[in-house]
Amino acid sequence: KDINKYIFRGYDIRGKYPEDLNEDVAYTIGKSYGTYIKKFNQTKCVVGHDNRYSYPELTKAVVTGILDAGMDVVYLDLVTTPMYYYAQIKLDIPAGIMVTASHNPKDDNGFKFSYDYRGNAKGEMIEEFRDFVFAGEFDNGLGTLSSYDIREEYIELHKSSLDFGEKRVKVVLDPGNGTATTILNDLYSNFPIDFEIICGESDP
């Protein structure tokens, strides 16, 4: 009941850490989510996170909440949002939470989430989930936690899908010190591209 209802936005859950979004809130959202997606016949979900300072506390709390609702979790660790989406496709697990605040300032964090094959929750889907959270009727259980590394399969996806021809391209890549810094070099090295990376250190 102490959760700020305004963190439930049009396309995600988002707020400042730790004022609006802390470990207790993340745990409650996780337990709510783990309970809620059962009505969509889900038995497991995927969880990934970006490189923000608050990801360790919030990710651990939301995963623990999901597990305590009796839902299994496949943990992706540090991934870009597109890597998270690809893991959902590759593993055929449409339910998932990505711990990220997208382009928001460094003190913010949040959750993008989906229940089923409709994709990211938005609008009324989030409003209905918000009401479910505040109703506080959550399942208790003991879900299982496993890990999955989508990195190499994500790189292989690009290698098999893209063809630049013979001509080499010169580019400057700027990942803005975000999560893409962790995969950019390995990904672009597979193509006929001469590239320089600026702002290439992971820095929340």
Protein backbone atom coordinates (compact mmCIF):
# COMPACT_ATOMS: atom_id res chain seq x y z
CA LYS A 1 0.00 0.00 0.00
CA ASP A 2 3.03 2.28 0.32
CA ILE A 3 3.96 1.83 -3.34
CA ASN A 4 3.78 5.03 -5.39
CA LYS A 5 1.08 4.31 -7.96
CA TYR A 6 2.68 6.74 -10.40
CA ILE A 7 5.56 4.34 -11.11
CA PHE A 8 3.05 2.38 -13.22
CA ARG A 9 3.47 4.20 -16.53
CA GLY A 10 2.04 3.83 -20.02
CA TYR A 11 4.67 1.35 -21.21
CA ASP A 12 6.52 0.16 -18.13
CA ILE A 13 7.11 0.56 -14.41
CA ARG A 14 9.63 3.29 -13.76
CA GLY A 15 10.83 5.47 -10.87
CA LYS A 16 13.78 6.80 -8.94
CA TYR A 17 15.91 4.44 -6.87
CA PRO A 18 15.52 4.13 -3.92
CA GLU A 19 12.78 6.72 -3.35
CA ASP A 20 10.11 5.19 -5.59
CA LEU A 21 11.61 1.86 -6.51
CA ASN A 22 13.55 -0.11 -3.90
CA GLU A 23 14.06 -3.73 -2.88
CA ASP A 24 10.71 -4.02 -1.07
CA VAL A 25 8.79 -2.59 -4.01
CA ALA A 26 10.68 -4.80 -6.47
CA TYR A 27 9.98 -7.90 -4.38
CA THR A 28 6.26 -7.08 -4.24
CA ILE A 29 6.14 -6.48 -7.98
CA GLY A 30 7.97 -9.76 -8.55
CA LYS A 31 5.59 -11.72 -6.36
CA SER A 32 2.64 -10.02 -8.02
CA TYR A 33 4.01 -10.76 -11.48
CA GLY A 34 4.79 -14.39 -10.68
CA THR A 35 1.21 -14.85 -9.52
CA TYR A 36 -0.39 -12.79 -12.29
CA ILE A 37 1.14 -14.56 -15.29
CA LYS A 38 -0.23 -17.91 -14.18
CA LYS A 39 -3.60 -16.85 -15.55
CA PHE A 40 -1.90 -16.70 -18.97
CA ASN A 41 -0.83 -20.33 -18.50
CA GLN A 42 2.82 -19.44 -17.98
CA THR A 43 5.11 -21.71 -15.95
CA LYS A 44 8.34 -19.75 -16.33
CA CYS A 45 9.66 -16.34 -17.30
CA VAL A 46 12.96 -14.75 -18.32
CA VAL A 47 14.66 -11.90 -16.44
CA GLY A 48 17.50 -9.69 -17.63
CA HIS A 49 18.95 -6.34 -16.60
CA ASP A 50 20.98 -3.42 -17.93
CA ASN A 51 24.09 -1.88 -16.34
CA ARG A 52 22.51 0.67 -13.98
CA TYR A 53 23.92 1.04 -10.47
CA SER A 54 20.73 -0.25 -8.85
CA TYR A 55 20.41 -3.43 -10.91
CA PRO A 56 21.90 -5.82 -8.30
CA GLU A 57 19.40 -4.96 -5.58
CA LEU A 58 16.36 -4.61 -7.81
CA THR A 59 17.04 -7.67 -9.96
CA LYS A 60 17.67 -9.91 -6.95
CA ALA A 61 14.50 -8.66 -5.26
CA VAL A 62 12.20 -9.03 -8.28
CA VAL A 63 13.57 -12.51 -9.06
CA THR A 64 13.10 -13.58 -5.43
CA GLY A 65 9.51 -12.35 -5.53
CA ILE A 66 8.78 -14.28 -8.72
CA LEU A 67 10.27 -17.46 -7.26
CA ASP A 68 8.32 -17.03 -4.02
CA ALA A 69 5.12 -16.96 -6.06
CA GLY A 70 5.99 -20.42 -7.39
CA MET A 71 7.10 -19.30 -10.85
CA ASP A 72 10.33 -20.55 -12.48
CA VAL A 73 12.87 -17.97 -13.64
CA VAL A 74 15.46 -18.18 -16.43
CA TYR A 75 18.04 -15.54 -15.54
CA LEU A 76 19.85 -13.86 -18.47
CA ASP A 77 22.17 -11.63 -16.41
CA LEU A 78 23.49 -8.45 -18.09
CA VAL A 79 21.90 -8.05 -21.53
CA THR A 80 20.73 -5.34 -23.87
CA THR A 81 16.97 -5.12 -24.31
CA PRO A 82 17.17 -6.63 -27.84
CA MET A 83 19.17 -9.54 -26.41
CA TYR A 84 16.43 -10.04 -23.83
CA TYR A 85 13.78 -10.05 -26.58
CA TYR A 86 15.77 -12.57 -28.62
CA ALA A 87 16.13 -14.86 -25.60
CA GLN A 88 12.34 -14.87 -25.25
CA ILE A 89 12.03 -15.94 -28.89
CA LYS A 90 14.87 -18.46 -28.79
CA LEU A 91 13.68 -20.09 -25.57
CA ASP A 92 9.99 -19.77 -26.49
CA ILE A 93 9.25 -18.08 -23.17
CA PRO A 94 6.98 -15.10 -23.88
CA ALA A 95 6.73 -13.95 -20.25
CA GLY A 96 9.57 -11.85 -18.92
CA ILE A 97 10.90 -8.80 -17.11
CA MET A 98 13.73 -6.55 -18.26
CA VAL A 99 15.15 -4.45 -15.43
CA THR A 100 15.87 -1.13 -17.15
CA ALA A 101 14.82 2.50 -17.30
CA SER A 102 15.75 2.83 -20.97
CA HIS A 103 17.07 6.34 -21.70
CA ASN A 104 16.10 7.82 -18.33
CA PRO A 105 18.73 9.39 -16.00
CA LYS A 106 21.09 7.14 -14.03
CA ASP A 107 19.13 7.33 -10.76
CA ASP A 108 16.02 5.87 -12.37
CA ASN A 109 15.26 2.21 -12.89
CA GLY A 110 12.25 0.13 -13.80
CA PHE A 111 10.71 -2.90 -15.43
CA LYS A 112 9.60 -3.63 -18.97
CA PHE A 113 7.47 -6.77 -18.85
CA SER A 114 5.29 -9.11 -20.87
CA TYR A 115 2.77 -11.78 -19.95
CA ASP A 116 2.43 -13.71 -23.19
CA TYR A 117 2.91 -13.49 -26.95
CA ARG A 118 1.26 -10.06 -27.15
CA GLY A 119 4.63 -8.51 -26.24
CA ASN A 120 5.37 -5.71 -23.79
CA ALA A 121 2.56 -4.75 -21.46
CA LYS A 122 1.18 -1.27 -22.07
CA GLY A 123 -1.83 0.90 -21.33
CA GLU A 124 -4.71 -1.06 -19.85
CA MET A 125 -2.50 -4.13 -19.45
CA ILE A 126 -0.32 -2.20 -17.00
CA GLU A 127 -3.30 -0.60 -15.28
CA GLU A 128 -4.84 -4.02 -14.65
CA PHE A 129 -1.54 -5.29 -13.27
CA ARG A 130 -1.23 -2.21 -11.03
CA ASP A 131 -4.65 -2.94 -9.55
CA PHE A 132 -3.63 -6.56 -9.03
CA VAL A 133 -0.50 -5.45 -7.16
CA PHE A 134 -2.49 -3.22 -4.82
CA ALA A 135 -5.04 -5.97 -4.17
CA GLY A 136 -2.21 -7.95 -2.58
CA GLU A 137 -3.52 -11.45 -3.29
CA PHE A 138 -0.35 -13.30 -4.19
CA ASP A 139 0.48 -16.99 -4.45
CA ASN A 140 3.14 -18.65 -2.33
CA GLY A 141 5.41 -21.26 -3.82
CA LEU A 142 8.94 -22.32 -4.57
CA GLY A 143 10.01 -21.64 -8.14
CA THR A 144 13.29 -22.81 -9.61
CA LEU A 145 16.08 -20.53 -10.84
CA SER A 146 18.25 -21.33 -13.86
CA SER A 147 20.63 -19.29 -16.02
CA TYR A 148 20.97 -18.90 -19.77
CA ASP A 149 23.66 -17.11 -21.81
CA ILE A 150 22.14 -15.74 -25.01
CA ARG A 151 25.28 -13.85 -26.10
CA GLU A 152 26.76 -16.24 -28.70
CA GLU A 153 23.38 -17.09 -30.20
CA TYR A 154 22.61 -13.38 -30.50
CA ILE A 155 25.88 -12.81 -32.37
CA GLU A 156 25.21 -15.82 -34.61
CA LEU A 157 21.77 -14.39 -35.40
CA HIS A 158 23.41 -11.29 -36.87
CA LYS A 159 26.11 -13.25 -38.70
CA SER A 160 23.48 -15.38 -40.44
CA SER A 161 21.10 -12.50 -41.16
CA LEU A 162 23.29 -9.64 -42.42
CA ASP A 163 25.31 -9.31 -45.62
CA PHE A 164 27.37 -6.17 -46.20
CA GLY A 165 28.98 -7.33 -49.42
CA GLU A 166 32.68 -6.84 -50.14
CA LYS A 167 33.00 -3.09 -49.62
CA ARG A 168 34.22 -2.13 -46.17
CA VAL A 169 32.32 0.52 -44.29
CA LYS A 170 33.86 3.06 -41.91
CA VAL A 171 31.78 3.96 -38.87
CA VAL A 172 32.02 5.50 -35.42
CA LEU A 173 30.00 3.65 -32.77
CA ASP A 174 28.74 5.45 -29.68
CA PRO A 175 26.96 3.18 -27.16
CA GLY A 176 26.88 6.01 -24.63
CA ASN A 177 28.56 3.94 -21.89
CA GLY A 178 25.43 1.80 -21.73
CA THR A 179 24.91 -1.95 -21.75
CA ALA A 180 25.72 -2.26 -25.47
CA THR A 181 29.37 -1.58 -24.57
CA THR A 182 29.60 -5.19 -23.38
CA ILE A 183 28.89 -6.73 -26.81
CA LEU A 184 29.57 -4.06 -29.42
CA ASN A 185 33.16 -5.01 -30.28
CA ASP A 186 32.46 -8.76 -30.49
CA LEU A 187 29.39 -8.15 -32.65
CA TYR A 188 30.81 -5.67 -35.17
CA SER A 189 34.08 -7.57 -35.56
CA ASN A 190 32.20 -10.18 -37.60
CA PHE A 191 31.52 -7.80 -40.48
CA PRO A 192 33.55 -5.85 -43.08
CA ILE A 193 33.39 -2.72 -40.95
CA ASP A 194 36.26 -0.50 -39.86
CA PHE A 195 34.96 0.97 -36.64
CA GLU A 196 36.01 3.18 -33.79
CA ILE A 197 34.13 3.09 -30.50
CA ILE A 198 33.68 6.19 -28.36
CA CYS A 199 32.09 6.20 -24.88
CA GLY A 200 32.82 2.47 -24.99
CA GLU A 201 33.32 1.72 -21.30
CA SER A 202 30.38 0.37 -19.30
CA ASP A 203 29.61 3.24 -16.92
CA PRO A 204 26.18 3.51 -15.25
